[in-house]
Amino acid sequence: MADRGGERGGRGGFGRGFGRGDRGRGDRGRGDRGRGRRGPRGPKDEAGEWTPVTKLGRLVQAGKIKSLEHIYLFALPIKEYQIIDFFLGKELKDEVMKIMPVQKQTRAGQRTRFKAFVIIGDHNGHVGLGVKCAKEVATAIRGAIIAAKLTVIPVRRGYWGNKIGEPHTIANKVSGKCGSARVRLVPAPRGTGTVCARVPKKVLAYAGIDDCYTCSRGSTKTLGNFVKATFACIQKLYGYLTPDLWKETKFTSPPNQEFTDYLSKTTRIKAA
């Protein structure tokens, strides 16, 4: 029996079962590929230029779509972060809100990874929030920045009182929640500033809101839920129908239909 065990795995009868040879426990059911994940998908460009893989990306690169607001008008999903870079590349600023370790219990012990929260915005009506978990801090931050670009939303700003000058506050009262954290935003007079804690102050600053009152409840020390609740408030600003939005909107054809002749042309992607 010892000889048979030696044939299975070379461990003197302790081959850890049949059919796995000397691969050990880490490669269960994965052949000789190991535990690594697949590499990045999509075409590779050695020059570092953007090769769009979606219809929206092709239209943006060709200059058929002139602004992000045209995309938001038809609620088109943005699947490539390069679209945001195309319109807001030089104006975007990002900040890491928090990096926290998270653990998963496995048979071999605890597996520690790092979770990053990143806020991104142009201080002029666009803001995004990204969350990413990775084995290394730098990888988590890069992934969170990309995730934040994919979640960039328009910020609806308004006035408190008379409509004089540029919009400086939010258009209406709004509330949002995440977990036990509750956040409420209230319009404020010009010159008030953002009366809030450190976390929502940064989110409102990147969104381009100068004056705002806030009210928060729950476990606000959980920074992840706190920043998500603030971002949920900003997302709801365009969901409230005020009288200035009662006018009928005359929609044109969506970009996919308007430029269908251009999209019908097949483009060959150079193999890497």
C-alpha atoms as a PDB file:
ATOM      1  CA  MET A   1       0.000   0.000   0.000  1.00  0.00           C
ATOM      2  CA  ALA A   2       2.908   2.291   0.724  1.00  0.00           C
ATOM      3  CA  ASP A   3       4.176   1.787  -2.830  1.00  0.00           C
ATOM      4  CA  ARG A   4       0.763   2.626  -4.232  1.00  0.00           C
ATOM      5  CA  GLY A   5       0.585   5.704  -2.044  1.00  0.00           C
ATOM      6  CA  GLY A   6       4.022   6.746  -3.228  1.00  0.00           C
ATOM      7  CA  GLU A   7       2.787   6.629  -6.795  1.00  0.00           C
ATOM      8  CA  ARG A   8      -0.035   8.986  -5.878  1.00  0.00           C
ATOM      9  CA  GLY A   9       1.635  12.233  -4.961  1.00  0.00           C
ATOM     10  CA  GLY A  10       4.975  10.860  -3.692  1.00  0.00           C
ATOM     11  CA  ARG A  11       3.999  11.357  -0.034  1.00  0.00           C
ATOM     12  CA  GLY A  12       4.251   7.776   1.271  1.00  0.00           C
ATOM     13  CA  GLY A  13       0.584   6.861   1.114  1.00  0.00           C
ATOM     14  CA  PHE A  14      -0.742  10.352   1.868  1.00  0.00           C
ATOM     15  CA  GLY A  15      -1.650  11.510  -1.613  1.00  0.00           C
ATOM     16  CA  ARG A  16      -4.741  13.510  -0.486  1.00  0.00           C
ATOM     17  CA  GLY A  17      -7.154  11.456  -2.543  1.00  0.00           C
ATOM     18  CA  PHE A  18      -7.237  10.044  -6.017  1.00  0.00           C
ATOM     19  CA  GLY A  19      -6.528  11.822  -9.279  1.00  0.00           C
ATOM     20  CA  ARG A  20      -4.805  14.977  -8.035  1.00  0.00           C
ATOM     21  CA  GLY A  21      -1.189  13.856  -8.199  1.00  0.00           C
ATOM     22  CA  ASP A  22       1.263  16.185  -6.435  1.00  0.00           C
ATOM     23  CA  ARG A  23      -0.680  19.397  -6.975  1.00  0.00           C
ATOM     24  CA  GLY A  24      -1.734  19.814  -3.367  1.00  0.00           C
ATOM     25  CA  ARG A  25      -4.925  21.336  -2.028  1.00  0.00           C
ATOM     26  CA  GLY A  26      -4.718  24.703  -3.734  1.00  0.00           C
ATOM     27  CA  ASP A  27      -5.547  23.452  -7.227  1.00  0.00           C
ATOM     28  CA  ARG A  28      -8.735  21.545  -6.498  1.00  0.00           C
ATOM     29  CA  GLY A  29     -10.869  21.328  -9.594  1.00  0.00           C
ATOM     30  CA  ARG A  30      -8.825  23.883 -11.536  1.00  0.00           C
ATOM     31  CA  GLY A  31      -6.363  21.671 -13.409  1.00  0.00           C
ATOM     32  CA  ASP A  32      -2.888  23.191 -13.675  1.00  0.00           C
ATOM     33  CA  ARG A  33      -4.146  26.788 -13.811  1.00  0.00           C
ATOM     34  CA  GLY A  34      -3.612  27.513 -10.113  1.00  0.00           C
ATOM     35  CA  ARG A  35      -5.675  29.974  -8.128  1.00  0.00           C
ATOM     36  CA  GLY A  36      -5.066  33.033 -10.287  1.00  0.00           C
ATOM     37  CA  ARG A  37      -7.880  34.881 -12.040  1.00  0.00           C
ATOM     38  CA  ARG A  38      -8.165  35.501 -15.731  1.00  0.00           C
ATOM     39  CA  GLY A  39      -6.295  38.401 -17.242  1.00  0.00           C
ATOM     40  CA  PRO A  40      -7.973  41.573 -18.511  1.00  0.00           C
ATOM     41  CA  ARG A  41     -10.480  40.995 -21.284  1.00  0.00           C
ATOM     42  CA  GLY A  42     -10.869  42.982 -24.455  1.00  0.00           C
ATOM     43  CA  PRO A  43      -8.458  44.052 -27.195  1.00  0.00           C
ATOM     44  CA  LYS A  44      -4.946  45.055 -26.197  1.00  0.00           C
ATOM     45  CA  ASP A  45      -3.297  48.096 -27.672  1.00  0.00           C
ATOM     46  CA  GLU A  46       0.438  48.410 -27.200  1.00  0.00           C
ATOM     47  CA  ALA A  47       0.387  52.143 -27.879  1.00  0.00           C
ATOM     48  CA  GLY A  48      -1.998  52.718 -24.956  1.00  0.00           C
ATOM     49  CA  GLU A  49      -4.739  54.160 -27.157  1.00  0.00           C
ATOM     50  CA  TRP A  50      -8.361  53.503 -26.378  1.00  0.00           C
ATOM     51  CA  THR A  51     -10.037  50.883 -28.543  1.00  0.00           C
ATOM     52  CA  PRO A  52     -13.802  51.079 -27.814  1.00  0.00           C
ATOM     53  CA  VAL A  53     -15.700  47.816 -27.516  1.00  0.00           C
ATOM     54  CA  THR A  54     -19.244  49.215 -27.155  1.00  0.00           C
ATOM     55  CA  LYS A  55     -21.461  51.133 -29.546  1.00  0.00           C
ATOM     56  CA  LEU A  56     -21.516  54.118 -27.220  1.00  0.00           C
ATOM     57  CA  GLY A  57     -17.734  54.118 -27.051  1.00  0.00           C
ATOM     58  CA  ARG A  58     -17.445  54.084 -30.824  1.00  0.00           C
ATOM     59  CA  LEU A  59     -19.808  57.045 -31.126  1.00  0.00           C
ATOM     60  CA  VAL A  60     -17.917  59.006 -28.470  1.00  0.00           C
ATOM     61  CA  GLN A  61     -14.528  58.366 -30.052  1.00  0.00           C
ATOM     62  CA  ALA A  62     -15.876  59.382 -33.473  1.00  0.00           C
ATOM     63  CA  GLY A  63     -17.210  62.660 -32.072  1.00  0.00           C
ATOM     64  CA  LYS A  64     -20.865  61.858 -32.724  1.00  0.00           C
ATOM     65  CA  ILE A  65     -21.781  62.543 -29.076  1.00  0.00           C
ATOM     66  CA  LYS A  66     -20.738  65.986 -27.901  1.00  0.00           C
ATOM     67  CA  SER A  67     -21.317  65.867 -24.124  1.00  0.00           C
ATOM     68  CA  LEU A  68     -22.134  63.636 -21.163  1.00  0.00           C
ATOM     69  CA  GLU A  69     -25.535  65.288 -20.839  1.00  0.00           C
ATOM     70  CA  HIS A  70     -26.487  63.802 -24.217  1.00  0.00           C
ATOM     71  CA  ILE A  71     -25.762  60.362 -22.745  1.00  0.00           C
ATOM     72  CA  TYR A  72     -27.697  61.093 -19.556  1.00  0.00           C
ATOM     73  CA  LEU A  73     -30.697  62.346 -21.548  1.00  0.00           C
ATOM     74  CA  PHE A  74     -31.302  58.863 -22.970  1.00  0.00           C
ATOM     75  CA  ALA A  75     -30.098  57.010 -19.845  1.00  0.00           C
ATOM     76  CA  LEU A  76     -27.488  55.082 -21.794  1.00  0.00           C
ATOM     77  CA  PRO A  77     -25.338  52.771 -19.654  1.00  0.00           C
ATOM     78  CA  ILE A  78     -21.643  53.657 -19.600  1.00  0.00           C
ATOM     79  CA  LYS A  79     -19.557  50.484 -19.680  1.00  0.00           C
ATOM     80  CA  GLU A  80     -16.149  52.021 -20.446  1.00  0.00           C
ATOM     81  CA  TYR A  81     -14.431  54.437 -18.099  1.00  0.00           C
ATOM     82  CA  GLN A  82     -12.572  55.987 -21.058  1.00  0.00           C
ATOM     83  CA  ILE A  83     -15.841  57.703 -22.016  1.00  0.00           C
ATOM     84  CA  ILE A  84     -15.664  59.736 -18.801  1.00  0.00           C
ATOM     85  CA  ASP A  85     -11.991  60.495 -19.432  1.00  0.00           C
ATOM     86  CA  PHE A  86     -12.887  61.675 -22.941  1.00  0.00           C
ATOM     87  CA  PHE A  87     -15.259  64.369 -21.633  1.00  0.00           C
ATOM     88  CA  LEU A  88     -13.928  65.173 -18.133  1.00  0.00           C
ATOM     89  CA  GLY A  89     -10.372  63.874 -18.222  1.00  0.00           C
ATOM     90  CA  LYS A  90      -8.439  66.994 -17.193  1.00  0.00           C
ATOM     91  CA  GLU A  91     -11.105  68.318 -14.835  1.00  0.00           C
ATOM     92  CA  LEU A  92     -11.597  65.169 -12.759  1.00  0.00           C
ATOM     93  CA  LYS A  93     -10.069  65.015  -9.295  1.00  0.00           C
ATOM     94  CA  ASP A  94     -10.130  61.967  -7.039  1.00  0.00           C
ATOM     95  CA  GLU A  95      -9.576  61.342  -3.357  1.00  0.00           C
ATOM     96  CA  VAL A  96      -9.278  58.144  -1.352  1.00  0.00           C
ATOM     97  CA  MET A  97     -11.836  58.314   1.437  1.00  0.00           C
ATOM     98  CA  LYS A  98     -10.834  55.149   3.283  1.00  0.00           C
ATOM     99  CA  ILE A  99      -8.821  51.957   2.959  1.00  0.00           C
ATOM    100  CA  MET A 100      -9.897  49.142   5.241  1.00  0.00           C
ATOM    101  CA  PRO A 101      -8.767  45.517   5.548  1.00  0.00           C
ATOM    102  CA  VAL A 102     -11.402  42.816   5.136  1.00  0.00           C
ATOM    103  CA  GLN A 103     -10.919  39.145   5.945  1.00  0.00           C
ATOM    104  CA  LYS A 104     -12.375  35.888   4.756  1.00  0.00           C
ATOM    105  CA  GLN A 105     -12.093  32.666   6.719  1.00  0.00           C
ATOM    106  CA  THR A 106     -10.752  29.755   4.670  1.00  0.00           C
ATOM    107  CA  ARG A 107      -9.526  26.260   5.471  1.00  0.00           C
ATOM    108  CA  ALA A 108      -5.944  27.511   5.405  1.00  0.00           C
ATOM    109  CA  GLY A 109      -6.678  30.433   7.729  1.00  0.00           C
ATOM    110  CA  GLN A 110      -7.735  34.005   7.149  1.00  0.00           C
ATOM    111  CA  ARG A 111      -7.357  35.695   3.781  1.00  0.00           C
ATOM    112  CA  THR A 112      -6.865  39.440   4.099  1.00  0.00           C
ATOM    113  CA  ARG A 113      -7.706  41.880   1.319  1.00  0.00           C
ATOM    114  CA  PHE A 114      -8.009  45.656   1.184  1.00  0.00           C
ATOM    115  CA  LYS A 115     -11.172  47.620   0.409  1.00  0.00           C
ATOM    116  CA  ALA A 116     -10.857  51.143  -0.988  1.00  0.00           C
ATOM    117  CA  PHE A 117     -13.492  53.909  -1.152  1.00  0.00           C
ATOM    118  CA  VAL A 118     -12.726  56.625  -3.730  1.00  0.00           C
ATOM    119  CA  ILE A 119     -14.713  59.751  -4.540  1.00  0.00           C
ATOM    120  CA  ILE A 120     -14.240  61.483  -7.899  1.00  0.00           C
ATOM    121  CA  GLY A 121     -15.645  64.702  -9.342  1.00  0.00           C
ATOM    122  CA  ASP A 122     -14.990  67.875 -11.305  1.00  0.00           C
ATOM    123  CA  HIS A 123     -16.362  70.403  -8.739  1.00  0.00           C
ATOM    124  CA  ASN A 124     -18.864  71.432 -11.405  1.00  0.00           C
ATOM    125  CA  GLY A 125     -21.884  69.130 -11.382  1.00  0.00           C
ATOM    126  CA  HIS A 126     -20.406  65.644 -11.781  1.00  0.00           C
ATOM    127  CA  VAL A 127     -19.508  63.215  -9.006  1.00  0.00           C
ATOM    128  CA  GLY A 128     -18.915  59.472  -8.695  1.00  0.00           C
ATOM    129  CA  LEU A 129     -18.222  56.932  -5.955  1.00  0.00           C
ATOM    130  CA  GLY A 130     -16.227  53.740  -6.392  1.00  0.00           C
ATOM    131  CA  VAL A 131     -15.571  50.779  -4.096  1.00  0.00           C
ATOM    132  CA  LYS A 132     -13.066  48.045  -4.871  1.00  0.00           C
ATOM    133  CA  CYS A 133     -11.519  45.160  -2.959  1.00  0.00           C
ATOM    134  CA  ALA A 134      -8.130  43.681  -3.918  1.00  0.00           C
ATOM    135  CA  LYS A 135      -5.130  41.870  -2.466  1.00  0.00           C
ATOM    136  CA  GLU A 136      -2.954  44.979  -2.664  1.00  0.00           C
ATOM    137  CA  VAL A 137      -3.717  48.570  -1.702  1.00  0.00           C
ATOM    138  CA  ALA A 138      -2.542  50.068  -5.002  1.00  0.00           C
ATOM    139  CA  THR A 139      -4.653  47.617  -7.006  1.00  0.00           C
ATOM    140  CA  ALA A 140      -7.711  48.394  -4.881  1.00  0.00           C
ATOM    141  CA  ILE A 141      -7.280  52.151  -5.380  1.00  0.00           C
ATOM    142  CA  ARG A 142      -6.892  51.805  -9.157  1.00  0.00           C
ATOM    143  CA  GLY A 143      -9.976  49.609  -9.356  1.00  0.00           C
ATOM    144  CA  ALA A 144     -11.979  52.009  -7.170  1.00  0.00           C
ATOM    145  CA  ILE A 145     -11.073  54.952  -9.420  1.00  0.00           C
ATOM    146  CA  ILE A 146     -12.292  53.043 -12.479  1.00  0.00           C
ATOM    147  CA  ALA A 147     -15.490  52.038 -10.651  1.00  0.00           C
ATOM    148  CA  ALA A 148     -16.048  55.664  -9.620  1.00  0.00           C
ATOM    149  CA  LYS A 149     -15.725  56.831 -13.232  1.00  0.00           C
ATOM    150  CA  LEU A 150     -18.368  54.318 -14.299  1.00  0.00           C
ATOM    151  CA  THR A 151     -20.785  55.682 -11.662  1.00  0.00           C
ATOM    152  CA  VAL A 152     -20.371  59.396 -12.445  1.00  0.00           C
ATOM    153  CA  ILE A 153     -23.783  61.089 -12.201  1.00  0.00           C
ATOM    154  CA  PRO A 154     -25.036  64.613 -12.941  1.00  0.00           C
ATOM    155  CA  VAL A 155     -25.686  66.806  -9.908  1.00  0.00           C
ATOM    156  CA  ARG A 156     -28.808  68.950  -9.932  1.00  0.00           C
ATOM    157  CA  ARG A 157     -28.066  72.332  -8.391  1.00  0.00           C
ATOM    158  CA  GLY A 158     -30.418  75.206  -7.646  1.00  0.00           C
ATOM    159  CA  TYR A 159     -30.993  78.366  -5.627  1.00  0.00           C
ATOM    160  CA  TRP A 160     -32.150  79.378  -2.168  1.00  0.00           C
ATOM    161  CA  GLY A 161     -34.476  82.327  -2.710  1.00  0.00           C
ATOM    162  CA  ASN A 162     -33.984  84.554  -5.728  1.00  0.00           C
ATOM    163  CA  LYS A 163     -32.298  83.136  -8.803  1.00  0.00           C
ATOM    164  CA  ILE A 164     -29.290  85.441  -8.874  1.00  0.00           C
ATOM    165  CA  GLY A 165     -25.923  84.358 -10.203  1.00  0.00           C
ATOM    166  CA  GLU A 166     -24.817  80.768 -10.613  1.00  0.00           C
ATOM    167  CA  PRO A 167     -26.584  77.855  -8.862  1.00  0.00           C
ATOM    168  CA  HIS A 168     -24.997  77.401  -5.454  1.00  0.00           C
ATOM    169  CA  THR A 169     -27.029  74.838  -3.517  1.00  0.00           C
ATOM    170  CA  ILE A 170     -29.279  71.835  -4.087  1.00  0.00           C
ATOM    171  CA  ALA A 171     -32.685  72.277  -5.692  1.00  0.00           C
ATOM    172  CA  ASN A 172     -34.791  70.603  -2.973  1.00  0.00           C
ATOM    173  CA  LYS A 173     -34.639  68.669   0.264  1.00  0.00           C
ATOM    174  CA  VAL A 174     -33.575  65.077  -0.203  1.00  0.00           C
ATOM    175  CA  SER A 175     -32.644  62.133   2.013  1.00  0.00           C
ATOM    176  CA  GLY A 176     -30.747  58.895   1.511  1.00  0.00           C
ATOM    177  CA  LYS A 177     -29.668  55.912   3.531  1.00  0.00           C
ATOM    178  CA  CYS A 178     -27.248  53.006   3.509  1.00  0.00           C
ATOM    179  CA  GLY A 179     -27.254  50.487   6.310  1.00  0.00           C
ATOM    180  CA  SER A 180     -28.054  52.378   9.514  1.00  0.00           C
ATOM    181  CA  ALA A 181     -26.639  55.694   8.237  1.00  0.00           C
ATOM    182  CA  ARG A 182     -29.271  58.273   7.281  1.00  0.00           C
ATOM    183  CA  VAL A 183     -28.375  61.576   5.598  1.00  0.00           C
ATOM    184  CA  ARG A 184     -30.663  64.512   4.773  1.00  0.00           C
ATOM    185  CA  LEU A 185     -29.628  67.462   2.621  1.00  0.00           C
ATOM    186  CA  VAL A 186     -31.388  70.841   2.929  1.00  0.00           C
ATOM    187  CA  PRO A 187     -30.854  73.908   0.688  1.00  0.00           C
ATOM    188  CA  ALA A 188     -29.014  76.795   2.341  1.00  0.00           C
ATOM    189  CA  PRO A 189     -28.642  80.541   1.608  1.00  0.00           C
ATOM    190  CA  ARG A 190     -25.688  81.774  -0.397  1.00  0.00           C
ATOM    191  CA  GLY A 191     -22.559  82.116   1.720  1.00  0.00           C
ATOM    192  CA  THR A 192     -23.573  79.537   4.314  1.00  0.00           C
ATOM    193  CA  GLY A 193     -21.125  76.884   3.199  1.00  0.00           C
ATOM    194  CA  THR A 194     -21.546  73.150   3.702  1.00  0.00           C
ATOM    195  CA  VAL A 195     -22.663  72.598   7.292  1.00  0.00           C
ATOM    196  CA  CYS A 196     -21.845  68.922   7.671  1.00  0.00           C
ATOM    197  CA  ALA A 197     -19.312  66.362   8.818  1.00  0.00           C
ATOM    198  CA  ARG A 198     -15.979  65.669   7.151  1.00  0.00           C
ATOM    199  CA  VAL A 199     -17.222  62.852   4.869  1.00  0.00           C
ATOM    200  CA  PRO A 200     -20.264  64.540   3.255  1.00  0.00           C
ATOM    201  CA  LYS A 201     -18.336  67.823   3.055  1.00  0.00           C
ATOM    202  CA  LYS A 202     -15.858  66.240   0.654  1.00  0.00           C
ATOM    203  CA  VAL A 203     -18.604  64.583  -1.409  1.00  0.00           C
ATOM    204  CA  LEU A 204     -20.526  67.859  -1.741  1.00  0.00           C
ATOM    205  CA  ALA A 205     -17.344  69.748  -2.618  1.00  0.00           C
ATOM    206  CA  TYR A 206     -16.511  67.340  -5.457  1.00  0.00           C
ATOM    207  CA  ALA A 207     -20.126  67.625  -6.639  1.00  0.00           C
ATOM    208  CA  GLY A 208     -19.853  71.418  -6.899  1.00  0.00           C
ATOM    209  CA  ILE A 209     -22.357  72.273  -4.139  1.00  0.00           C
ATOM    210  CA  ASP A 210     -21.235  75.373  -2.205  1.00  0.00           C
ATOM    211  CA  ASP A 211     -24.036  75.851   0.343  1.00  0.00           C
ATOM    212  CA  CYS A 212     -25.997  73.102   2.077  1.00  0.00           C
ATOM    213  CA  TYR A 213     -27.367  72.077   5.466  1.00  0.00           C
ATOM    214  CA  THR A 214     -27.170  68.414   6.450  1.00  0.00           C
ATOM    215  CA  CYS A 215     -28.674  66.140   9.064  1.00  0.00           C
ATOM    216  CA  SER A 216     -27.351  62.648   9.770  1.00  0.00           C
ATOM    217  CA  ARG A 217     -28.490  59.803  12.007  1.00  0.00           C
ATOM    218  CA  GLY A 218     -27.402  56.273  12.720  1.00  0.00           C
ATOM    219  CA  SER A 219     -23.901  54.843  12.782  1.00  0.00           C
ATOM    220  CA  THR A 220     -22.075  57.540  10.853  1.00  0.00           C
ATOM    221  CA  LYS A 221     -18.707  56.267  12.097  1.00  0.00           C
ATOM    222  CA  THR A 222     -19.105  53.498   9.490  1.00  0.00           C
ATOM    223  CA  LEU A 223     -17.523  55.620   6.784  1.00  0.00           C
ATOM    224  CA  GLY A 224     -18.455  53.310   3.922  1.00  0.00           C
ATOM    225  CA  ASN A 225     -22.179  53.514   4.648  1.00  0.00           C
ATOM    226  CA  PHE A 226     -21.936  57.233   5.443  1.00  0.00           C
ATOM    227  CA  VAL A 227     -20.416  58.145   2.081  1.00  0.00           C
ATOM    228  CA  LYS A 228     -22.820  55.836   0.241  1.00  0.00           C
ATOM    229  CA  ALA A 229     -25.808  57.482   1.954  1.00  0.00           C
ATOM    230  CA  THR A 230     -24.554  60.927   0.928  1.00  0.00           C
ATOM    231  CA  PHE A 231     -24.067  59.741  -2.641  1.00  0.00           C
ATOM    232  CA  ALA A 232     -27.598  58.275  -2.607  1.00  0.00           C
ATOM    233  CA  CYS A 233     -28.940  61.730  -1.710  1.00  0.00           C
ATOM    234  CA  ILE A 234     -27.227  63.317  -4.688  1.00  0.00           C
ATOM    235  CA  GLN A 235     -28.575  60.578  -6.962  1.00  0.00           C
ATOM    236  CA  LYS A 236     -32.161  61.444  -5.958  1.00  0.00           C
ATOM    237  CA  LEU A 237     -31.896  65.145  -6.814  1.00  0.00           C
ATOM    238  CA  TYR A 238     -33.101  64.650 -10.400  1.00  0.00           C
ATOM    239  CA  GLY A 239     -35.865  62.304  -9.270  1.00  0.00           C
ATOM    240  CA  TYR A 240     -37.989  65.123  -7.842  1.00  0.00           C
ATOM    241  CA  LEU A 241     -40.204  66.814 -10.426  1.00  0.00           C
ATOM    242  CA  THR A 242     -40.335  70.559  -9.718  1.00  0.00           C
ATOM    243  CA  PRO A 243     -42.463  73.054 -11.708  1.00  0.00           C
ATOM    244  CA  ASP A 244     -39.497  74.162 -13.805  1.00  0.00           C
ATOM    245  CA  LEU A 245     -39.387  70.615 -15.212  1.00  0.00           C
ATOM    246  CA  TRP A 246     -43.075  70.472 -16.128  1.00  0.00           C
ATOM    247  CA  LYS A 247     -42.441  71.594 -19.674  1.00  0.00           C
ATOM    248  CA  GLU A 248     -42.741  68.855 -22.239  1.00  0.00           C
ATOM    249  CA  THR A 249     -39.399  67.462 -23.353  1.00  0.00           C
ATOM    250  CA  LYS A 250     -39.133  66.845 -27.064  1.00  0.00           C
ATOM    251  CA  PHE A 251     -36.922  63.813 -27.417  1.00  0.00           C
ATOM    252  CA  THR A 252     -34.954  63.147 -30.550  1.00  0.00           C
ATOM    253  CA  SER A 253     -33.829  59.753 -31.768  1.00  0.00           C
ATOM    254  CA  PRO A 254     -31.418  57.983 -29.409  1.00  0.00           C
ATOM    255  CA  PRO A 255     -27.795  57.917 -30.571  1.00  0.00           C
ATOM    256  CA  ASN A 256     -27.877  54.212 -31.422  1.00  0.00           C
ATOM    257  CA  GLN A 257     -30.745  54.872 -33.816  1.00  0.00           C
ATOM    258  CA  GLU A 258     -29.566  58.239 -35.096  1.00  0.00           C
ATOM    259  CA  PHE A 259     -26.129  56.948 -36.100  1.00  0.00           C
ATOM    260  CA  THR A 260     -27.159  53.444 -37.106  1.00  0.00           C
ATOM    261  CA  ASP A 261     -25.480  53.825 -40.504  1.00  0.00           C
ATOM    262  CA  TYR A 262     -22.163  54.582 -38.846  1.00  0.00           C
ATOM    263  CA  LEU A 263     -22.487  51.694 -36.390  1.00  0.00           C
ATOM    264  CA  SER A 264     -23.318  49.277 -39.183  1.00  0.00           C
ATOM    265  CA  LYS A 265     -19.828  49.697 -40.569  1.00  0.00           C
ATOM    266  CA  THR A 266     -17.692  46.907 -39.196  1.00  0.00           C
ATOM    267  CA  THR A 267     -14.247  47.800 -37.935  1.00  0.00           C
ATOM    268  CA  ARG A 268     -11.433  45.308 -37.736  1.00  0.00           C
ATOM    269  CA  ILE A 269      -9.590  45.133 -34.437  1.00  0.00           C
ATOM    270  CA  LYS A 270      -5.895  44.447 -34.789  1.00  0.00           C
ATOM    271  CA  ALA A 271      -4.873  41.304 -32.948  1.00  0.00           C
ATOM    272  CA  ALA A 272      -2.302  41.939 -30.222  1.00  0.00           C
END
